[in-house]
Amino acid sequence: GFALSALVMAAGTIILPPVALIPICWWLEMA
């Protein structure tokens, strides 16, 4: 029920900075 954005932020920062991941996580959380 949680941890989607946290996991994406923890692992995804090797590719994109947090400020670019945050709006992406919005779409993922909404879906």
Full PDB file with SEQRES, HELIX, SHEET, SSBOND, CRYST1, ORIGX, SCALE, CONECT and MASTER records, all heavy atoms in Angstrom:
SEQRES   1 A   31  GLY PHE ALA LEU SER ALA LEU VAL MET ALA ALA GLY THR          
SEQRES   2 A   31  ILE ILE LEU PRO PRO VAL ALA LEU ILE PRO ILE CYS TRP          
SEQRES   3 A   31  TRP LEU GLU MET ALA                                          
HELIX    1 AA1 LEU A    4  GLY A   12  1                                   9    
HELIX    2 AA2 PRO A   18  MET A   30  1                                  13    
CRYST1    1.000    1.000    1.000  90.00  90.00  90.00 P 1           1          
ORIGX1      1.000000  0.000000  0.000000        0.00000                         
ORIGX2      0.000000  1.000000  0.000000        0.00000                         
ORIGX3      0.000000  0.000000  1.000000        0.00000                         
SCALE1      1.000000  0.000000  0.000000        0.00000                         
SCALE2      0.000000  1.000000  0.000000        0.00000                         
SCALE3      0.000000  0.000000  1.000000        0.00000                         
ATOM      1  N   GLY A   1       0.799  -1.220   0.000  1.00  0.00           N  
ATOM      2  CA  GLY A   1       0.000   0.000   0.000  1.00  0.00           C  
ATOM      3  C   GLY A   1       0.831   1.269   0.000  1.00  0.00           C  
ATOM      4  O   GLY A   1       0.293   2.355  -0.120  1.00  0.00           O  
ATOM      5  N   PHE A   2       2.144   1.156   0.119  1.00  0.00           N  
ATOM      6  CA  PHE A   2       3.024   2.327   0.084  1.00  0.00           C  
ATOM      7  C   PHE A   2       4.382   1.923  -0.454  1.00  0.00           C  
ATOM      8  O   PHE A   2       4.562   0.806  -0.909  1.00  0.00           O  
ATOM      9  CB  PHE A   2       3.160   2.974   1.468  1.00  0.00           C  
ATOM     10  CG  PHE A   2       4.005   2.177   2.439  1.00  0.00           C  
ATOM     11  CD1 PHE A   2       5.283   2.585   2.768  1.00  0.00           C  
ATOM     12  CD2 PHE A   2       3.512   1.028   3.043  1.00  0.00           C  
ATOM     13  CE1 PHE A   2       6.061   1.868   3.667  1.00  0.00           C  
ATOM     14  CE2 PHE A   2       4.263   0.308   3.951  1.00  0.00           C  
ATOM     15  CZ  PHE A   2       5.545   0.721   4.252  1.00  0.00           C  
ATOM     16  N   ALA A   3       5.333   2.850  -0.447  1.00  0.00           N  
ATOM     17  CA  ALA A   3       6.740   2.638  -0.814  1.00  0.00           C  
ATOM     18  C   ALA A   3       7.016   2.702  -2.303  1.00  0.00           C  
ATOM     19  O   ALA A   3       8.165   2.557  -2.710  1.00  0.00           O  
ATOM     20  CB  ALA A   3       7.277   1.317  -0.249  1.00  0.00           C  
ATOM     21  N   LEU A   4       6.017   2.967  -3.146  1.00  0.00           N  
ATOM     22  CA  LEU A   4       6.273   3.077  -4.579  1.00  0.00           C  
ATOM     23  C   LEU A   4       7.249   4.208  -4.890  1.00  0.00           C  
ATOM     24  O   LEU A   4       8.314   4.001  -5.479  1.00  0.00           O  
ATOM     25  CB  LEU A   4       4.947   3.290  -5.330  1.00  0.00           C  
ATOM     26  CG  LEU A   4       5.028   3.652  -6.812  1.00  0.00           C  
ATOM     27  CD1 LEU A   4       5.771   2.579  -7.587  1.00  0.00           C  
ATOM     28  CD2 LEU A   4       3.639   3.859  -7.391  1.00  0.00           C  
ATOM     29  N   SER A   5       6.891   5.429  -4.482  1.00  0.00           N  
ATOM     30  CA  SER A   5       7.761   6.570  -4.761  1.00  0.00           C  
ATOM     31  C   SER A   5       9.107   6.443  -4.057  1.00  0.00           C  
ATOM     32  O   SER A   5      10.143   6.823  -4.603  1.00  0.00           O  
ATOM     33  CB  SER A   5       7.076   7.870  -4.334  1.00  0.00           C  
ATOM     34  OG  SER A   5       5.975   8.147  -5.161  1.00  0.00           O  
ATOM     35  N   ALA A   6       9.088   5.922  -2.834  1.00  0.00           N  
ATOM     36  CA  ALA A   6      10.339   5.790  -2.081  1.00  0.00           C  
ATOM     37  C   ALA A   6      11.301   4.839  -2.795  1.00  0.00           C  
ATOM     38  O   ALA A   6      12.506   5.098  -2.865  1.00  0.00           O  
ATOM     39  CB  ALA A   6      10.055   5.281  -0.667  1.00  0.00           C  
ATOM     40  N   LEU A   7      10.780   3.749  -3.319  1.00  0.00           N  
ATOM     41  CA  LEU A   7      11.627   2.804  -4.051  1.00  0.00           C  
ATOM     42  C   LEU A   7      12.149   3.424  -5.344  1.00  0.00           C  
ATOM     43  O   LEU A   7      13.331   3.270  -5.683  1.00  0.00           O  
ATOM     44  CB  LEU A   7      10.838   1.528  -4.358  1.00  0.00           C  
ATOM     45  CG  LEU A   7      10.744   0.510  -3.231  1.00  0.00           C  
ATOM     46  CD1 LEU A   7       9.708  -0.557  -3.564  1.00  0.00           C  
ATOM     47  CD2 LEU A   7      12.097  -0.144  -2.978  1.00  0.00           C  
ATOM     48  N   VAL A   8      11.275   4.103  -6.054  1.00  0.00           N  
ATOM     49  CA  VAL A   8      11.697   4.743  -7.300  1.00  0.00           C  
ATOM     50  C   VAL A   8      12.737   5.827  -7.021  1.00  0.00           C  
ATOM     51  O   VAL A   8      13.737   5.948  -7.742  1.00  0.00           O  
ATOM     52  CB  VAL A   8      10.487   5.333  -8.049  1.00  0.00           C  
ATOM     53  CG1 VAL A   8      10.937   6.136  -9.273  1.00  0.00           C  
ATOM     54  CG2 VAL A   8       9.540   4.217  -8.491  1.00  0.00           C  
ATOM     55  N   MET A   9      12.526   6.597  -5.946  1.00  0.00           N  
ATOM     56  CA  MET A   9      13.494   7.635  -5.592  1.00  0.00           C  
ATOM     57  C   MET A   9      14.813   7.040  -5.148  1.00  0.00           C  
ATOM     58  O   MET A   9      15.891   7.546  -5.467  1.00  0.00           O  
ATOM     59  CB  MET A   9      12.932   8.524  -4.482  1.00  0.00           C  
ATOM     60  CG  MET A   9      11.753   9.386  -4.886  1.00  0.00           C  
ATOM     61  SD  MET A   9      12.126  10.629  -6.140  1.00  0.00           S  
ATOM     62  CE  MET A   9      13.266  11.687  -5.243  1.00  0.00           C  
ATOM     63  N   ALA A  10      14.757   5.950  -4.395  1.00  0.00           N  
ATOM     64  CA  ALA A  10      15.986   5.330  -3.890  1.00  0.00           C  
ATOM     65  C   ALA A  10      16.828   4.742  -5.011  1.00  0.00           C  
ATOM     66  O   ALA A  10      18.056   4.854  -5.009  1.00  0.00           O  
ATOM     67  CB  ALA A  10      15.639   4.252  -2.864  1.00  0.00           C  
ATOM     68  N   ALA A  11      16.172   4.092  -5.974  1.00  0.00           N  
ATOM     69  CA  ALA A  11      16.911   3.425  -7.046  1.00  0.00           C  
ATOM     70  C   ALA A  11      17.057   4.298  -8.291  1.00  0.00           C  
ATOM     71  O   ALA A  11      18.047   4.206  -9.014  1.00  0.00           O  
ATOM     72  CB  ALA A  11      16.216   2.114  -7.413  1.00  0.00           C  
ATOM     73  N   GLY A  12      16.070   5.155  -8.549  1.00  0.00           N  
ATOM     74  CA  GLY A  12      16.063   5.920  -9.786  1.00  0.00           C  
ATOM     75  C   GLY A  12      17.008   7.093  -9.821  1.00  0.00           C  
ATOM     76  O   GLY A  12      17.290   7.632 -10.898  1.00  0.00           O  
ATOM     77  N   THR A  13      17.543   7.510  -8.665  1.00  0.00           N  
ATOM     78  CA  THR A  13      18.455   8.659  -8.649  1.00  0.00           C  
ATOM     79  C   THR A  13      19.790   8.355  -9.314  1.00  0.00           C  
ATOM     80  O   THR A  13      20.578   9.268  -9.528  1.00  0.00           O  
ATOM     81  CB  THR A  13      18.714   9.141  -7.208  1.00  0.00           C  
ATOM     82  OG1 THR A  13      19.045   8.033  -6.382  1.00  0.00           O  
ATOM     83  CG2 THR A  13      17.497   9.849  -6.656  1.00  0.00           C  
ATOM     84  N   ILE A  14      20.041   7.099  -9.644  1.00  0.00           N  
ATOM     85  CA  ILE A  14      21.262   6.790 -10.398  1.00  0.00           C  
ATOM     86  C   ILE A  14      21.096   7.182 -11.869  1.00  0.00           C  
ATOM     87  O   ILE A  14      22.082   7.226 -12.614  1.00  0.00           O  
ATOM     88  CB  ILE A  14      21.629   5.289 -10.301  1.00  0.00           C  
ATOM     89  CG1 ILE A  14      20.543   4.417 -10.931  1.00  0.00           C  
ATOM     90  CG2 ILE A  14      21.874   4.884  -8.860  1.00  0.00           C  
ATOM     91  CD1 ILE A  14      20.882   2.943 -10.975  1.00  0.00           C  
ATOM     92  N   ILE A  15      19.858   7.477 -12.273  1.00  0.00           N  
ATOM     93  CA  ILE A  15      19.575   7.840 -13.665  1.00  0.00           C  
ATOM     94  C   ILE A  15      19.141   9.294 -13.781  1.00  0.00           C  
ATOM     95  O   ILE A  15      19.630  10.038 -14.639  1.00  0.00           O  
ATOM     96  CB  ILE A  15      18.476   6.924 -14.242  1.00  0.00           C  
ATOM     97  CG1 ILE A  15      18.925   5.473 -14.206  1.00  0.00           C  
ATOM     98  CG2 ILE A  15      18.120   7.338 -15.674  1.00  0.00           C  
ATOM     99  CD1 ILE A  15      17.841   4.486 -14.534  1.00  0.00           C  
ATOM    100  N   LEU A  16      18.203   9.707 -12.917  1.00  0.00           N  
ATOM    101  CA  LEU A  16      17.657  11.058 -12.965  1.00  0.00           C  
ATOM    102  C   LEU A  16      17.745  11.710 -11.588  1.00  0.00           C  
ATOM    103  O   LEU A  16      17.682  11.015 -10.574  1.00  0.00           O  
ATOM    104  CB  LEU A  16      16.189  11.023 -13.401  1.00  0.00           C  
ATOM    105  CG  LEU A  16      15.900  10.585 -14.843  1.00  0.00           C  
ATOM    106  CD1 LEU A  16      14.398  10.369 -15.033  1.00  0.00           C  
ATOM    107  CD2 LEU A  16      16.416  11.614 -15.843  1.00  0.00           C  
ATOM    108  N   PRO A  17      17.866  13.041 -11.528  1.00  0.00           N  
ATOM    109  CA  PRO A  17      17.887  13.729 -10.229  1.00  0.00           C  
ATOM    110  C   PRO A  17      16.503  13.702  -9.586  1.00  0.00           C  
ATOM    111  O   PRO A  17      15.488  13.535 -10.280  1.00  0.00           O  
ATOM    112  CB  PRO A  17      18.297  15.155 -10.595  1.00  0.00           C  
ATOM    113  CG  PRO A  17      17.848  15.320 -12.013  1.00  0.00           C  
ATOM    114  CD  PRO A  17      18.036  13.972 -12.653  1.00  0.00           C  
ATOM    115  N   PRO A  18      16.422  13.856  -8.263  1.00  0.00           N  
ATOM    116  CA  PRO A  18      15.124  13.826  -7.578  1.00  0.00           C  
ATOM    117  C   PRO A  18      14.096  14.782  -8.155  1.00  0.00           C  
ATOM    118  O   PRO A  18      12.917  14.442  -8.254  1.00  0.00           O  
ATOM    119  CB  PRO A  18      15.486  14.201  -6.138  1.00  0.00           C  
ATOM    120  CG  PRO A  18      16.889  13.731  -5.976  1.00  0.00           C  
ATOM    121  CD  PRO A  18      17.549  13.972  -7.314  1.00  0.00           C  
ATOM    122  N   VAL A  19      14.512  15.991  -8.561  1.00  0.00           N  
ATOM    123  CA  VAL A  19      13.558  16.967  -9.066  1.00  0.00           C  
ATOM    124  C   VAL A  19      12.914  16.494 -10.364  1.00  0.00           C  
ATOM    125  O   VAL A  19      11.794  16.902 -10.694  1.00  0.00           O  
ATOM    126  CB  VAL A  19      14.240  18.341  -9.252  1.00  0.00           C  
ATOM    127  CG1 VAL A  19      15.195  18.325 -10.434  1.00  0.00           C  
ATOM    128  CG2 VAL A  19      13.204  19.450  -9.355  1.00  0.00           C  
ATOM    129  N   ALA A  20      13.587  15.615 -11.124  1.00  0.00           N  
ATOM    130  CA  ALA A  20      13.001  15.048 -12.340  1.00  0.00           C  
ATOM    131  C   ALA A  20      12.164  13.813 -12.034  1.00  0.00           C  
ATOM    132  O   ALA A  20      11.200  13.517 -12.747  1.00  0.00           O  
ATOM    133  CB  ALA A  20      14.107  14.697 -13.335  1.00  0.00           C  
ATOM    134  N   LEU A  21      12.517  13.096 -10.965  1.00  0.00           N  
ATOM    135  CA  LEU A  21      11.771  11.895 -10.594  1.00  0.00           C  
ATOM    136  C   LEU A  21      10.453  12.230  -9.900  1.00  0.00           C  
ATOM    137  O   LEU A  21       9.482  11.473 -10.007  1.00  0.00           O  
ATOM    138  CB  LEU A  21      12.620  11.015  -9.675  1.00  0.00           C  
ATOM    139  CG  LEU A  21      13.750  10.222 -10.335  1.00  0.00           C  
ATOM    140  CD1 LEU A  21      14.610   9.556  -9.263  1.00  0.00           C  
ATOM    141  CD2 LEU A  21      13.209   9.161 -11.293  1.00  0.00           C  
ATOM    142  N   ILE A  22      10.407  13.327  -9.180  1.00  0.00           N  
ATOM    143  CA  ILE A  22       9.216  13.672  -8.392  1.00  0.00           C  
ATOM    144  C   ILE A  22       7.953  13.739  -9.259  1.00  0.00           C  
ATOM    145  O   ILE A  22       6.942  13.113  -8.923  1.00  0.00           O  
ATOM    146  CB  ILE A  22       9.440  14.979  -7.610  1.00  0.00           C  
ATOM    147  CG1 ILE A  22      10.410  14.728  -6.445  1.00  0.00           C  
ATOM    148  CG2 ILE A  22       8.124  15.523  -7.074  1.00  0.00           C  
ATOM    149  CD1 ILE A  22      10.852  15.988  -5.735  1.00  0.00           C  
ATOM    150  N   PRO A  23       7.939  14.473 -10.392  1.00  0.00           N  
ATOM    151  CA  PRO A  23       6.714  14.497 -11.198  1.00  0.00           C  
ATOM    152  C   PRO A  23       6.406  13.149 -11.859  1.00  0.00           C  
ATOM    153  O   PRO A  23       5.243  12.824 -12.083  1.00  0.00           O  
ATOM    154  CB  PRO A  23       6.985  15.587 -12.241  1.00  0.00           C  
ATOM    155  CG  PRO A  23       8.475  15.674 -12.319  1.00  0.00           C  
ATOM    156  CD  PRO A  23       8.959  15.386 -10.924  1.00  0.00           C  
ATOM    157  N   ILE A  24       7.446  12.367 -12.152  1.00  0.00           N  
ATOM    158  CA  ILE A  24       7.225  11.019 -12.694  1.00  0.00           C  
ATOM    159  C   ILE A  24       6.515  10.168 -11.651  1.00  0.00           C  
ATOM    160  O   ILE A  24       5.569   9.435 -11.962  1.00  0.00           O  
ATOM    161  CB  ILE A  24       8.563  10.377 -13.105  1.00  0.00           C  
ATOM    162  CG1 ILE A  24       9.160  11.116 -14.307  1.00  0.00           C  
ATOM    163  CG2 ILE A  24       8.383   8.892 -13.438  1.00  0.00           C  
ATOM    164  CD1 ILE A  24      10.556  10.649 -14.697  1.00  0.00           C  
ATOM    165  N   CYS A  25       6.977  10.277 -10.408  1.00  0.00           N  
ATOM    166  CA  CYS A  25       6.344   9.522  -9.319  1.00  0.00           C  
ATOM    167  C   CYS A  25       4.884   9.914  -9.150  1.00  0.00           C  
ATOM    168  O   CYS A  25       4.064   9.089  -8.735  1.00  0.00           O  
ATOM    169  CB  CYS A  25       7.106   9.744  -8.009  1.00  0.00           C  
ATOM    170  SG  CYS A  25       8.687   8.874  -7.924  1.00  0.00           S  
ATOM    171  N   TRP A  26       4.544  11.155  -9.482  1.00  0.00           N  
ATOM    172  CA  TRP A  26       3.144  11.563  -9.384  1.00  0.00           C  
ATOM    173  C   TRP A  26       2.278  10.699 -10.291  1.00  0.00           C  
ATOM    174  O   TRP A  26       1.223  10.206  -9.878  1.00  0.00           O  
ATOM    175  CB  TRP A  26       2.967  13.033  -9.772  1.00  0.00           C  
ATOM    176  CG  TRP A  26       1.553  13.484  -9.608  1.00  0.00           C  
ATOM    177  CD1 TRP A  26       0.979  14.018  -8.490  1.00  0.00           C  
ATOM    178  CD2 TRP A  26       0.505  13.399 -10.584  1.00  0.00           C  
ATOM    179  NE1 TRP A  26      -0.359  14.266  -8.709  1.00  0.00           N  
ATOM    180  CE2 TRP A  26      -0.675  13.899  -9.985  1.00  0.00           C  
ATOM    181  CE3 TRP A  26       0.455  12.944 -11.901  1.00  0.00           C  
ATOM    182  CZ2 TRP A  26      -1.890  13.958 -10.663  1.00  0.00           C  
ATOM    183  CZ3 TRP A  26      -0.763  13.001 -12.578  1.00  0.00           C  
ATOM    184  CH2 TRP A  26      -1.918  13.508 -11.960  1.00  0.00           C  
ATOM    185  N   TRP A  27       2.715  10.497 -11.522  1.00  0.00           N  
ATOM    186  CA  TRP A  27       1.951   9.676 -12.460  1.00  0.00           C  
ATOM    187  C   TRP A  27       1.862   8.230 -11.974  1.00  0.00           C  
ATOM    188  O   TRP A  27       0.812   7.585 -12.095  1.00  0.00           O  
ATOM    189  CB  TRP A  27       2.589   9.726 -13.847  1.00  0.00           C  
ATOM    190  CG  TRP A  27       2.414  11.054 -14.520  1.00  0.00           C  
ATOM    191  CD1 TRP A  27       3.324  12.070 -14.576  1.00  0.00           C  
ATOM    192  CD2 TRP A  27       1.249  11.524 -15.202  1.00  0.00           C  
ATOM    193  NE1 TRP A  27       2.799  13.143 -15.251  1.00  0.00           N  
ATOM    194  CE2 TRP A  27       1.535  12.836 -15.648  1.00  0.00           C  
ATOM    195  CE3 TRP A  27       0.004  10.973 -15.478  1.00  0.00           C  
ATOM    196  CZ2 TRP A  27       0.604  13.586 -16.363  1.00  0.00           C  
ATOM    197  CZ3 TRP A  27      -0.922  11.722 -16.199  1.00  0.00           C  
ATOM    198  CH2 TRP A  27      -0.617  13.013 -16.628  1.00  0.00           C  
ATOM    199  N   LEU A  28       2.948   7.723 -11.435  1.00  0.00           N  
ATOM    200  CA  LEU A  28       2.963   6.343 -10.961  1.00  0.00           C  
ATOM    201  C   LEU A  28       2.034   6.166  -9.763  1.00  0.00           C  
ATOM    202  O   LEU A  28       1.276   5.186  -9.686  1.00  0.00           O  
ATOM    203  CB  LEU A  28       4.390   5.924 -10.586  1.00  0.00           C  
ATOM    204  CG  LEU A  28       5.478   6.141 -11.641  1.00  0.00           C  
ATOM    205  CD1 LEU A  28       6.804   5.557 -11.163  1.00  0.00           C  
ATOM    206  CD2 LEU A  28       5.063   5.542 -12.975  1.00  0.00           C  
ATOM    207  N   GLU A  29       2.089   7.122  -8.821  1.00  0.00           N  
ATOM    208  CA  GLU A  29       1.231   7.045  -7.640  1.00  0.00           C  
ATOM    209  C   GLU A  29      -0.244   7.181  -8.022  1.00  0.00           C  
ATOM    210  O   GLU A  29      -1.108   6.484  -7.473  1.00  0.00           O  
ATOM    211  CB  GLU A  29       1.606   8.140  -6.629  1.00  0.00           C  
ATOM    212  CG  GLU A  29       2.950   7.940  -5.952  1.00  0.00           C  
ATOM    213  CD  GLU A  29       2.924   6.830  -4.908  1.00  0.00           C  
ATOM    214  OE1 GLU A  29       1.888   6.159  -4.748  1.00  0.00           O  
ATOM    215  OE2 GLU A  29       3.958   6.636  -4.262  1.00  0.00           O  
ATOM    216  N   MET A  30      -0.538   8.080  -8.944  1.00  0.00           N  
ATOM    217  CA  MET A  30      -1.922   8.260  -9.361  1.00  0.00           C  
ATOM    218  C   MET A  30      -2.455   6.989 -10.028  1.00  0.00           C  
ATOM    219  O   MET A  30      -3.585   6.543  -9.742  1.00  0.00           O  
ATOM    220  CB  MET A  30      -2.044   9.449 -10.315  1.00  0.00           C  
ATOM    221  CG  MET A  30      -3.455   9.688 -10.823  1.00  0.00           C  
ATOM    222  SD  MET A  30      -4.692   9.924  -9.508  1.00  0.00           S  
ATOM    223  CE  MET A  30      -4.303  11.591  -8.993  1.00  0.00           C  
ATOM    224  N   ALA A  31      -1.654   6.397 -10.903  1.00  0.00           N  
ATOM    225  CA  ALA A  31      -2.085   5.169 -11.576  1.00  0.00           C  
ATOM    226  C   ALA A  31      -2.316   4.050 -10.565  1.00  0.00           C  
ATOM    227  O   ALA A  31      -3.329   3.342 -10.613  1.00  0.00           O  
ATOM    228  CB  ALA A  31      -1.036   4.755 -12.608  1.00  0.00           C  
TER     229      ALA A  31                                                      
MASTER        0    0    0    2    0    0    0    6  228    1    0    3          
END                                                                             
